[in-house]
C-alpha atoms as a PDB file:
ATOM      1  CA  MET A   1      26.912-101.175  -2.120  1.00  0.00           C
ATOM      2  CA  LYS A   2      25.311-101.604   1.760  1.00  0.00           C
ATOM      3  CA  VAL A   3      22.781 -98.892   2.840  1.00  0.00           C
ATOM      4  CA  LYS A   4      22.092 -98.221   6.781  1.00  0.00           C
ATOM      5  CA  VAL A   5      19.417 -95.855   7.817  1.00  0.00           C
ATOM      6  CA  ASP A   6      18.585 -94.949  11.163  1.00  0.00           C
ATOM      7  CA  ASP A   7      15.202 -95.572  12.767  1.00  0.00           C
ATOM      8  CA  VAL A   8      14.148 -91.572  12.224  1.00  0.00           C
ATOM      9  CA  ILE A   9      14.034 -92.279   8.439  1.00  0.00           C
ATOM     10  CA  LYS A  10      12.604 -95.742   8.465  1.00  0.00           C
ATOM     11  CA  GLY A  11      10.041 -95.898   5.564  1.00  0.00           C
ATOM     12  CA  HIS A  12      11.305 -93.082   3.975  1.00  0.00           C
ATOM     13  CA  PHE A  13      14.263 -94.879   2.589  1.00  0.00           C
ATOM     14  CA  PRO A  14      16.342 -92.508  -0.029  1.00  0.00           C
ATOM     15  CA  HIS A  15      14.923 -92.738  -3.392  1.00  0.00           C
ATOM     16  CA  LYS A  16      14.963 -91.143  -6.837  1.00  0.00           C
ATOM     17  CA  GLY A  17      12.353 -88.791  -7.742  1.00  0.00           C
ATOM     18  CA  SER A  18      11.894 -90.139 -11.006  1.00  0.00           C
ATOM     19  CA  HIS A  19      13.482 -93.158 -12.701  1.00  0.00           C
ATOM     20  CA  ARG A  20      15.634 -90.975 -14.552  1.00  0.00           C
ATOM     21  CA  ALA A  21      16.633 -88.622 -11.885  1.00  0.00           C
ATOM     22  CA  ALA A  22      20.301 -88.504 -11.606  1.00  0.00           C
ATOM     23  CA  GLY A  23      20.401 -87.921  -7.498  1.00  0.00           C
ATOM     24  CA  ILE A  24      18.739 -90.068  -4.688  1.00  0.00           C
ATOM     25  CA  ASP A  25      16.517 -87.612  -2.265  1.00  0.00           C
ATOM     26  CA  LEU A  26      18.408 -87.466   1.109  1.00  0.00           C
ATOM     27  CA  PHE A  27      15.788 -86.484   3.815  1.00  0.00           C
ATOM     28  CA  ALA A  28      16.441 -84.430   6.885  1.00  0.00           C
ATOM     29  CA  CYS A  29      17.168 -86.757   9.785  1.00  0.00           C
ATOM     30  CA  VAL A  30      15.514 -84.320  12.712  1.00  0.00           C
ATOM     31  CA  ASN A  31      12.980 -84.834  15.264  1.00  0.00           C
ATOM     32  CA  LYS A  32      11.146 -81.838  15.152  1.00  0.00           C
ATOM     33  CA  LYS A  33      10.963 -78.268  13.010  1.00  0.00           C
ATOM     34  CA  THR A  34      14.379 -76.860  12.689  1.00  0.00           C
ATOM     35  CA  VAL A  35      14.477 -73.071  12.172  1.00  0.00           C
ATOM     36  CA  ILE A  36      17.260 -71.717  10.074  1.00  0.00           C
ATOM     37  CA  ARG A  37      17.641 -67.981  11.007  1.00  0.00           C
ATOM     38  CA  PRO A  38      19.174 -65.660   7.669  1.00  0.00           C
ATOM     39  CA  ASN A  39      22.839 -66.156   7.251  1.00  0.00           C
ATOM     40  CA  GLU A  40      22.766 -69.126   9.841  1.00  0.00           C
ATOM     41  CA  GLN A  41      24.690 -72.561   8.926  1.00  0.00           C
ATOM     42  CA  ILE A  42      23.787 -75.452  10.788  1.00  0.00           C
ATOM     43  CA  VAL A  43      24.452 -79.300  10.331  1.00  0.00           C
ATOM     44  CA  ILE A  44      21.403 -81.590   9.655  1.00  0.00           C
ATOM     45  CA  GLY A  45      21.968 -85.511   9.470  1.00  0.00           C
ATOM     46  CA  SER A  46      20.556 -87.506   6.927  1.00  0.00           C
ATOM     47  CA  GLY A  47      20.229 -90.983   8.769  1.00  0.00           C
ATOM     48  CA  VAL A  48      22.299 -92.437   5.579  1.00  0.00           C
ATOM     49  CA  TYR A  49      25.027 -94.644   6.304  1.00  0.00           C
ATOM     50  CA  LEU A  50      26.904 -96.430   3.104  1.00  0.00           C
ATOM     51  CA  ASP A  51      29.453 -98.744   2.868  1.00  0.00           C
ATOM     52  CA  MET A  52      31.172 -98.494  -0.955  1.00  0.00           C
ATOM     53  CA  SER A  53      34.251-100.346   0.139  1.00  0.00           C
ATOM     54  CA  ASP A  54      33.352-103.282  -2.094  1.00  0.00           C
ATOM     55  CA  ASP A  55      33.357-100.633  -5.022  1.00  0.00           C
ATOM     56  CA  GLY A  56      36.214 -98.426  -4.267  1.00  0.00           C
ATOM     57  CA  VAL A  57      36.384 -96.562  -7.735  1.00  0.00           C
ATOM     58  CA  ILE A  58      32.693 -95.020  -6.985  1.00  0.00           C
ATOM     59  CA  PHE A  59      32.249 -91.927  -4.597  1.00  0.00           C
ATOM     60  CA  GLY A  60      29.001 -90.037  -3.785  1.00  0.00           C
ATOM     61  CA  MET A  61      28.472 -86.219  -4.263  1.00  0.00           C
ATOM     62  CA  VAL A  62      25.998 -84.414  -2.192  1.00  0.00           C
ATOM     63  CA  VAL A  63      24.356 -81.613  -3.950  1.00  0.00           C
ATOM     64  CA  PRO A  64      21.331 -79.298  -2.740  1.00  0.00           C
ATOM     65  CA  ARG A  65      17.624 -79.520  -4.369  1.00  0.00           C
ATOM     66  CA  SER A  66      16.690 -76.906  -6.625  1.00  0.00           C
ATOM     67  CA  GLY A  67      13.918 -76.573  -4.470  1.00  0.00           C
ATOM     68  CA  TRP A  68      15.186 -75.565  -1.960  1.00  0.00           C
ATOM     69  CA  GLY A  69      18.199 -73.292  -3.358  1.00  0.00           C
ATOM     70  CA  ILE A  70      15.577 -71.159  -4.888  1.00  0.00           C
ATOM     71  CA  LYS A  71      14.449 -69.934  -1.306  1.00  0.00           C
ATOM     72  CA  GLY A  72      17.772 -69.845  -0.232  1.00  0.00           C
ATOM     73  CA  LEU A  73      19.253 -72.683   1.220  1.00  0.00           C
ATOM     74  CA  VAL A  74      22.098 -74.090   0.101  1.00  0.00           C
ATOM     75  CA  LEU A  75      25.011 -76.511   0.845  1.00  0.00           C
ATOM     76  CA  ALA A  76      27.829 -74.195   2.756  1.00  0.00           C
ATOM     77  CA  ASN A  77      30.533 -75.913   0.924  1.00  0.00           C
ATOM     78  CA  THR A  78      28.604 -75.866  -2.313  1.00  0.00           C
ATOM     79  CA  VAL A  79      29.072 -79.806  -2.760  1.00  0.00           C
ATOM     80  CA  GLY A  80      29.918 -82.886  -0.494  1.00  0.00           C
ATOM     81  CA  ILE A  81      31.913 -85.871  -1.696  1.00  0.00           C
ATOM     82  CA  ILE A  82      31.480 -88.652   0.194  1.00  0.00           C
ATOM     83  CA  ASP A  83      34.808 -90.807  -0.199  1.00  0.00           C
ATOM     84  CA  SER A  84      34.421 -94.736  -0.623  1.00  0.00           C
ATOM     85  CA  ASP A  85      35.921 -95.321   2.630  1.00  0.00           C
ATOM     86  CA  TYR A  86      33.894 -93.264   5.004  1.00  0.00           C
ATOM     87  CA  GLN A  87      31.371 -95.034   6.655  1.00  0.00           C
ATOM     88  CA  GLY A  88      29.652 -92.859   8.983  1.00  0.00           C
ATOM     89  CA  GLU A  89      26.397 -91.085   8.702  1.00  0.00           C
ATOM     90  CA  ILE A  90      25.926 -88.392   5.708  1.00  0.00           C
ATOM     91  CA  LYS A  91      25.540 -84.919   7.006  1.00  0.00           C
ATOM     92  CA  MET A  92      24.715 -81.965   5.199  1.00  0.00           C
ATOM     93  CA  VAL A  93      25.871 -78.623   6.098  1.00  0.00           C
ATOM     94  CA  VAL A  94      23.493 -76.251   4.828  1.00  0.00           C
ATOM     95  CA  LYS A  95      23.139 -72.235   5.138  1.00  0.00           C
ATOM     96  CA  ASN A  96      20.499 -70.130   4.989  1.00  0.00           C
ATOM     97  CA  THR A  97      20.996 -67.079   2.492  1.00  0.00           C
ATOM     98  CA  SER A  98      18.069 -65.403   2.515  1.00  0.00           C
ATOM     99  CA  ASP A  99      16.571 -62.600   4.702  1.00  0.00           C
ATOM    100  CA  VAL A 100      13.960 -64.599   6.248  1.00  0.00           C
ATOM    101  CA  PRO A 101      14.164 -67.981   8.737  1.00  0.00           C
ATOM    102  CA  LEU A 102      13.619 -71.052   7.086  1.00  0.00           C
ATOM    103  CA  VAL A 103      11.939 -74.145   8.327  1.00  0.00           C
ATOM    104  CA  ILE A 104      13.223 -77.562   7.988  1.00  0.00           C
ATOM    105  CA  ASP A 105      10.518 -80.025   8.830  1.00  0.00           C
ATOM    106  CA  PRO A 106      11.490 -83.478   9.567  1.00  0.00           C
ATOM    107  CA  LEU A 107      11.903 -85.642   6.854  1.00  0.00           C
ATOM    108  CA  ASP A 108      12.138 -82.853   4.295  1.00  0.00           C
ATOM    109  CA  ARG A 109      14.207 -83.807   1.251  1.00  0.00           C
ATOM    110  CA  ILE A 110      16.826 -81.097   1.334  1.00  0.00           C
ATOM    111  CA  CYS A 111      19.646 -82.999  -0.886  1.00  0.00           C
ATOM    112  CA  GLN A 112      20.519 -85.474  -3.408  1.00  0.00           C
ATOM    113  CA  LEU A 113      23.121 -87.763  -3.499  1.00  0.00           C
ATOM    114  CA  ILE A 114      24.830 -88.794  -6.656  1.00  0.00           C
ATOM    115  CA  PHE A 115      27.094 -91.364  -7.685  1.00  0.00           C
ATOM    116  CA  LEU A 116      30.154 -90.775  -9.345  1.00  0.00           C
ATOM    117  CA  SER A 117      32.991 -92.928 -10.517  1.00  0.00           C
ATOM    118  CA  SER A 118      36.608 -91.862  -9.478  1.00  0.00           C
ATOM    119  CA  PHE A 119      39.358 -92.031 -11.752  1.00  0.00           C
ATOM    120  CA  GLN A 120      43.030 -92.405 -10.121  1.00  0.00           C
ATOM    121  CA  PRO A 121      45.694 -91.224 -12.027  1.00  0.00           C
ATOM    122  CA  VAL A 122      49.241 -92.009 -11.558  1.00  0.00           C
ATOM    123  CA  ILE A 123      50.878 -89.005 -10.652  1.00  0.00           C
ATOM    124  CA  ASP A 124      54.262 -88.183 -12.093  1.00  0.00           C
ATOM    125  CA  PHE A 125      55.931 -85.098 -10.735  1.00  0.00           C
ATOM    126  CA  VAL A 126      57.894 -83.283 -13.356  1.00  0.00           C
ATOM    127  CA  ASP A 127      59.877 -79.842 -13.752  1.00  0.00           C
ATOM    128  CA  SER A 128      58.350 -78.859 -16.752  1.00  0.00           C
ATOM    129  CA  PHE A 129      55.776 -79.753 -19.641  1.00  0.00           C
ATOM    130  CA  ASP A 130      56.808 -81.754 -22.497  1.00  0.00           C
ATOM    131  CA  ILE A 131      53.542 -80.426 -24.363  1.00  0.00           C
ATOM    132  CA  LYS A 132      52.582 -76.772 -24.748  1.00  0.00           C
ATOM    133  CA  THR A 133      49.076 -75.957 -25.358  1.00  0.00           C
ATOM    134  CA  GLU A 134      47.962 -72.717 -26.943  1.00  0.00           C
ATOM    135  CA  ARG A 135      45.866 -71.746 -23.793  1.00  0.00           C
ATOM    136  CA  GLY A 136      49.210 -72.221 -21.814  1.00  0.00           C
ATOM    137  CA  ASP A 137      48.379 -70.933 -18.142  1.00  0.00           C
ATOM    138  CA  ALA A 138      45.978 -68.288 -19.207  1.00  0.00           C
ATOM    139  CA  GLY A 139      43.134 -68.546 -16.282  1.00  0.00           C
ATOM    140  CA  PHE A 140      40.215 -67.218 -15.818  1.00  0.00           C
ATOM    141  CA  GLY A 141      37.822 -66.030 -18.323  1.00  0.00           C
ATOM    142  CA  SER A 142      40.402 -66.910 -20.913  1.00  0.00           C
ATOM    143  CA  SER A 143      39.171 -70.296 -22.493  1.00  0.00           C
ATOM    144  CA  GLY A 144      38.230 -69.372 -25.642  1.00  0.00           C
ATOM    145  CA  LYS A 145      39.801 -66.187 -26.344  1.00  0.00           C
ATOM    146  CA  TRP A 146      43.030 -67.361 -27.626  1.00  0.00           C
ATOM    147  CA  LEU A 147      40.523 -69.214 -30.498  1.00  0.00           C
ATOM    148  CA  GLU A 148      38.977 -65.618 -30.685  1.00  0.00           C
ATOM    149  CA  LYS A 149      42.375 -64.395 -31.271  1.00  0.00           C
ATOM    150  CA  MET A 150      43.642 -66.600 -33.794  1.00  0.00           C
ATOM    151  CA  PHE A 151      40.557 -66.087 -35.482  1.00  0.00           C
ATOM    152  CA  LEU A 152      40.780 -62.195 -36.105  1.00  0.00           C
ATOM    153  CA  SER A 153      44.396 -62.791 -37.031  1.00  0.00           C
ATOM    154  CA  GLN A 154      43.323 -65.111 -39.839  1.00  0.00           C
ATOM    155  CA  LEU A 155      40.335 -62.663 -40.953  1.00  0.00           C
ATOM    156  CA  LYS A 156      43.100 -59.934 -40.991  1.00  0.00           C
ATOM    157  CA  GLU A 157      45.150 -61.764 -43.451  1.00  0.00           C
ATOM    158  CA  GLN A 158      42.573 -62.734 -45.193  1.00  0.00           C
ATOM    159  CA  ASN A 159      41.487 -59.093 -45.759  1.00  0.00           C
ATOM    160  CA  LYS A 160      45.165 -58.061 -46.502  1.00  0.00           C
ATOM    161  CA  LYS A 161      45.167 -60.426 -49.501  1.00  0.00           C
ATOM    162  CA  ILE A 162      41.696 -58.766 -50.667  1.00  0.00           C
ATOM    163  CA  TYR A 163      42.375 -55.680 -50.470  1.00  0.00           C
END
């Protein structure tokens, strides 16, 4: 993978905070203090450009840093996906969810970039599925409920046998 950086962040190359850190820190590539008012959303460049074309199955995911998150700075779209064929500057759409202005200084580490592999399945469109799961189409908040229901019915059966 090839990485290019803007002059603004030269000498502050994106790096991991520790050797076991999952993400590479991304800096605010701004020339002066930037104030983000409560509920305001802005775009901040990172000064980082990637060429992941050699690794076709790798993509980047931009996530917020927890230190900023606790202050109320979040990514407006929760995460940012950097496709392997994108070669423009990685930008961060951030939003101040607090009730006080937040100040971003030049070169503040505001997000992290994590690299993941992408599985590209062969998609087969069908009218129905051959195998039905126990969960079926039960949606939000339903996982584990069918198991609980099954367990309770088995418990009732056991109680019938005992009494």
